[in-house]
């Protein structure tokens, strides 16, 4: 069973994805999904074990960060703001 930090590494990866975006920039959810699913672990060339996700779970994670807005049909907008990877 997962503990209190079950989405911690996914949230950190989403914040890293947001670092590549400009405030107000639009993107499709598949771009973020591809980023999370192909993210490499630090210090190795393997995929990170705990950032894998699917298109059903990702919208909830994007809303949880509070820095994205859903525009409908898979389109999202990065609202900018403070990006703190530990929240």
N, C-alpha and C. Protein backbone atom coordinates (compact mmCIF):
# COMPACT_ATOMS: atom_id res chain seq x y z
N UNK A 1 0.84 -1.19 0.00
CA UNK A 1 0.00 0.00 0.00
C UNK A 1 0.88 1.25 0.00
N UNK A 2 0.42 2.23 -0.70
CA UNK A 2 1.15 3.49 -0.79
C UNK A 2 0.91 4.32 0.47
N UNK A 3 1.92 5.05 0.84
CA UNK A 3 1.82 5.88 2.03
C UNK A 3 1.41 7.30 1.69
N UNK A 4 1.81 8.22 2.53
CA UNK A 4 1.41 9.61 2.41
C UNK A 4 2.08 10.32 1.23
N UNK A 5 3.12 9.74 0.67
CA UNK A 5 3.86 10.41 -0.40
C UNK A 5 3.75 9.67 -1.72
N UNK A 6 2.60 9.09 -2.02
CA UNK A 6 2.50 8.25 -3.20
C UNK A 6 2.61 9.00 -4.52
N UNK A 7 2.33 10.29 -4.56
CA UNK A 7 2.43 11.06 -5.79
C UNK A 7 3.56 12.08 -5.75
N UNK A 8 4.43 12.00 -4.79
CA UNK A 8 5.48 12.99 -4.60
C UNK A 8 6.36 13.13 -5.84
N UNK A 9 6.83 12.03 -6.39
CA UNK A 9 7.73 12.10 -7.53
C UNK A 9 7.01 12.52 -8.80
N UNK A 10 5.73 12.20 -8.92
CA UNK A 10 4.95 12.66 -10.06
C UNK A 10 4.79 14.18 -10.02
N UNK A 11 4.50 14.71 -8.84
CA UNK A 11 4.35 16.16 -8.68
C UNK A 11 5.67 16.87 -8.99
N UNK A 12 6.78 16.32 -8.53
CA UNK A 12 8.09 16.91 -8.82
C UNK A 12 8.33 16.92 -10.33
N UNK A 13 7.99 15.82 -11.01
CA UNK A 13 8.17 15.74 -12.46
C UNK A 13 7.27 16.74 -13.18
N UNK A 14 6.05 16.95 -12.69
CA UNK A 14 5.14 17.93 -13.30
C UNK A 14 5.72 19.34 -13.15
N UNK A 15 6.32 19.64 -12.02
CA UNK A 15 6.95 20.94 -11.84
C UNK A 15 8.15 21.10 -12.77
N UNK A 16 8.88 20.02 -13.03
CA UNK A 16 9.98 20.09 -13.98
C UNK A 16 9.45 20.32 -15.39
N UNK A 17 8.31 19.72 -15.72
CA UNK A 17 7.67 19.98 -17.01
C UNK A 17 7.26 21.45 -17.11
N UNK A 18 6.75 22.01 -16.00
CA UNK A 18 6.33 23.41 -15.99
C UNK A 18 7.50 24.36 -16.14
N UNK A 19 8.70 23.94 -15.73
CA UNK A 19 9.88 24.79 -15.89
C UNK A 19 10.18 25.09 -17.35
N UNK A 20 9.73 24.21 -18.25
CA UNK A 20 9.97 24.39 -19.68
C UNK A 20 8.90 25.23 -20.36
N UNK A 21 7.86 25.63 -19.63
CA UNK A 21 6.74 26.39 -20.20
C UNK A 21 6.82 27.86 -19.81
N UNK A 22 6.24 28.70 -20.65
CA UNK A 22 6.09 30.12 -20.34
C UNK A 22 4.72 30.33 -19.72
N UNK A 23 4.57 31.36 -18.95
CA UNK A 23 3.29 31.66 -18.32
C UNK A 23 2.23 31.92 -19.39
N UNK A 24 1.10 31.24 -19.27
CA UNK A 24 0.02 31.39 -20.22
C UNK A 24 0.12 30.46 -21.42
N UNK A 25 1.18 29.66 -21.50
CA UNK A 25 1.38 28.77 -22.64
C UNK A 25 0.39 27.60 -22.60
N UNK A 26 -0.14 27.25 -23.76
CA UNK A 26 -1.08 26.13 -23.89
C UNK A 26 -0.31 24.88 -24.28
N UNK A 27 -0.81 23.73 -23.82
CA UNK A 27 -0.21 22.46 -24.19
C UNK A 27 -1.28 21.38 -24.13
N UNK A 28 -1.03 20.29 -24.83
CA UNK A 28 -1.95 19.15 -24.79
C UNK A 28 -1.47 18.21 -23.70
N UNK A 29 -2.41 17.56 -23.05
CA UNK A 29 -2.08 16.70 -21.92
C UNK A 29 -1.14 15.56 -22.32
N UNK A 30 -1.16 15.17 -23.60
CA UNK A 30 -0.26 14.10 -24.06
C UNK A 30 1.20 14.51 -23.94
N UNK A 31 1.50 15.82 -24.09
CA UNK A 31 2.88 16.29 -23.95
C UNK A 31 3.38 16.06 -22.53
N UNK A 32 2.56 16.39 -21.55
CA UNK A 32 2.93 16.17 -20.15
C UNK A 32 3.01 14.68 -19.84
N UNK A 33 2.09 13.91 -20.38
CA UNK A 33 2.08 12.47 -20.17
C UNK A 33 3.35 11.83 -20.73
N UNK A 34 3.75 12.24 -21.91
CA UNK A 34 4.98 11.72 -22.52
C UNK A 34 6.19 12.11 -21.69
N UNK A 35 6.21 13.34 -21.18
CA UNK A 35 7.32 13.79 -20.35
C UNK A 35 7.45 12.92 -19.10
N UNK A 36 6.34 12.68 -18.42
CA UNK A 36 6.37 11.88 -17.20
C UNK A 36 6.75 10.43 -17.47
N UNK A 37 6.23 9.86 -18.54
CA UNK A 37 6.47 8.45 -18.80
C UNK A 37 7.85 8.16 -19.39
N UNK A 38 8.53 9.17 -19.90
CA UNK A 38 9.87 8.96 -20.46
C UNK A 38 10.95 9.63 -19.62
N UNK A 39 10.60 10.16 -18.46
CA UNK A 39 11.57 10.84 -17.60
C UNK A 39 12.62 9.87 -17.09
N UNK A 40 13.87 10.27 -17.17
CA UNK A 40 14.97 9.43 -16.72
C UNK A 40 15.28 9.70 -15.26
N UNK A 41 15.70 8.66 -14.56
CA UNK A 41 16.11 8.80 -13.16
C UNK A 41 17.45 9.53 -13.11
N UNK A 42 17.66 10.29 -12.04
CA UNK A 42 18.90 11.02 -11.87
C UNK A 42 20.03 10.02 -11.61
N UNK A 43 21.12 10.17 -12.34
CA UNK A 43 22.27 9.32 -12.12
C UNK A 43 22.27 8.02 -12.90
N UNK A 44 21.23 7.78 -13.69
CA UNK A 44 21.21 6.57 -14.52
C UNK A 44 20.50 6.88 -15.83
N UNK A 45 20.48 5.92 -16.69
CA UNK A 45 19.84 6.11 -17.98
C UNK A 45 18.52 5.35 -18.06
N UNK A 46 17.99 4.96 -16.92
CA UNK A 46 16.74 4.21 -16.89
C UNK A 46 15.57 5.14 -16.60
N UNK A 47 14.38 4.71 -16.99
CA UNK A 47 13.18 5.48 -16.66
C UNK A 47 12.96 5.49 -15.16
N UNK A 48 12.46 6.63 -14.68
CA UNK A 48 12.16 6.75 -13.26
C UNK A 48 11.00 5.84 -12.91
N UNK A 49 11.13 5.08 -11.84
CA UNK A 49 10.11 4.08 -11.48
C UNK A 49 8.79 4.69 -11.02
N UNK A 50 8.85 5.83 -10.35
CA UNK A 50 7.66 6.33 -9.68
C UNK A 50 7.01 7.54 -10.36
N UNK A 51 7.37 7.83 -11.59
CA UNK A 51 6.70 8.93 -12.29
C UNK A 51 5.77 8.44 -13.39
N UNK A 52 5.66 7.14 -13.59
CA UNK A 52 4.77 6.61 -14.62
C UNK A 52 3.32 6.91 -14.24
N UNK A 53 2.53 7.33 -15.20
CA UNK A 53 1.13 7.64 -14.95
C UNK A 53 0.34 7.39 -16.23
N UNK A 54 -0.98 7.60 -16.15
CA UNK A 54 -1.82 7.42 -17.33
C UNK A 54 -2.71 8.64 -17.51
N UNK A 55 -3.43 8.67 -18.61
CA UNK A 55 -4.22 9.86 -18.95
C UNK A 55 -5.44 10.04 -18.05
N UNK A 56 -5.80 9.04 -17.28
CA UNK A 56 -6.91 9.19 -16.35
C UNK A 56 -6.47 9.87 -15.06
N UNK A 57 -5.26 9.61 -14.64
CA UNK A 57 -4.76 10.14 -13.37
C UNK A 57 -4.13 11.52 -13.51
N UNK A 58 -3.59 11.82 -14.66
CA UNK A 58 -2.84 13.06 -14.85
C UNK A 58 -3.65 14.33 -14.63
N UNK A 59 -4.91 14.43 -15.08
CA UNK A 59 -5.66 15.68 -14.81
C UNK A 59 -5.79 15.99 -13.32
N UNK A 60 -5.99 14.96 -12.51
CA UNK A 60 -6.08 15.18 -11.06
C UNK A 60 -4.76 15.71 -10.52
N UNK A 61 -3.65 15.19 -11.02
CA UNK A 61 -2.34 15.66 -10.56
C UNK A 61 -2.07 17.09 -11.00
N UNK A 62 -2.47 17.44 -12.23
CA UNK A 62 -2.28 18.81 -12.71
C UNK A 62 -3.12 19.79 -11.89
N UNK A 63 -4.34 19.41 -11.56
CA UNK A 63 -5.18 20.28 -10.73
C UNK A 63 -4.61 20.44 -9.33
N UNK A 64 -4.02 19.36 -8.80
CA UNK A 64 -3.46 19.39 -7.45
C UNK A 64 -2.32 20.39 -7.32
N UNK A 65 -1.56 20.59 -8.40
CA UNK A 65 -0.45 21.53 -8.33
C UNK A 65 -0.93 22.97 -8.22
N UNK A 66 -2.10 23.26 -8.79
CA UNK A 66 -2.66 24.61 -8.70
C UNK A 66 -2.08 25.62 -9.67
N UNK A 67 -1.26 25.17 -10.62
CA UNK A 67 -0.63 26.10 -11.55
C UNK A 67 -1.05 25.84 -12.99
N UNK A 68 -2.06 24.99 -13.17
CA UNK A 68 -2.57 24.66 -14.50
C UNK A 68 -4.08 24.85 -14.54
N UNK A 69 -4.61 25.17 -15.71
CA UNK A 69 -6.05 25.32 -15.92
C UNK A 69 -6.45 24.48 -17.12
N UNK A 70 -7.53 23.72 -16.96
CA UNK A 70 -8.04 22.91 -18.05
C UNK A 70 -8.89 23.78 -18.97
N UNK A 71 -8.61 23.69 -20.27
CA UNK A 71 -9.36 24.45 -21.27
C UNK A 71 -10.34 23.57 -22.02
N UNK A 72 -10.31 22.26 -21.78
CA UNK A 72 -11.21 21.33 -22.45
C UNK A 72 -10.55 20.58 -23.59
N UNK A 73 -11.04 19.40 -23.88
CA UNK A 73 -10.54 18.55 -24.97
C UNK A 73 -9.05 18.28 -24.88
N UNK A 74 -8.54 18.08 -23.68
CA UNK A 74 -7.13 17.75 -23.50
C UNK A 74 -6.20 18.94 -23.52
N UNK A 75 -6.71 20.13 -23.74
CA UNK A 75 -5.88 21.34 -23.76
C UNK A 75 -5.78 21.91 -22.34
N UNK A 76 -4.57 22.25 -21.95
CA UNK A 76 -4.30 22.84 -20.64
C UNK A 76 -3.49 24.11 -20.83
N UNK A 77 -3.55 24.98 -19.81
CA UNK A 77 -2.78 26.22 -19.82
C UNK A 77 -1.95 26.30 -18.55
N UNK A 78 -0.69 26.67 -18.72
CA UNK A 78 0.19 26.91 -17.57
C UNK A 78 -0.04 28.34 -17.11
N UNK A 79 -0.49 28.50 -15.87
CA UNK A 79 -0.83 29.81 -15.35
C UNK A 79 0.36 30.55 -14.76
N UNK A 80 1.46 29.87 -14.66
CA UNK A 80 2.65 30.50 -14.06
C UNK A 80 2.55 30.41 -12.56
N UNK A 81 3.11 31.38 -11.91
CA UNK A 81 3.09 31.37 -10.46
C UNK A 81 4.34 30.72 -9.90
N UNK A 82 4.34 30.54 -8.62
CA UNK A 82 5.49 29.96 -7.93
C UNK A 82 5.50 28.46 -8.15
N UNK A 83 6.62 27.97 -8.64
CA UNK A 83 6.76 26.54 -8.86
C UNK A 83 7.62 25.99 -7.74
N UNK A 84 6.98 25.32 -6.78
CA UNK A 84 7.69 24.71 -5.66
C UNK A 84 7.50 23.21 -5.78
N UNK A 85 8.54 22.49 -6.11
CA UNK A 85 8.44 21.06 -6.39
C UNK A 85 8.13 20.24 -5.16
N UNK A 86 8.20 20.81 -3.98
CA UNK A 86 7.97 20.02 -2.76
C UNK A 86 6.52 20.01 -2.33
N UNK A 87 5.65 20.75 -3.00
CA UNK A 87 4.24 20.76 -2.62
C UNK A 87 3.46 19.76 -3.42
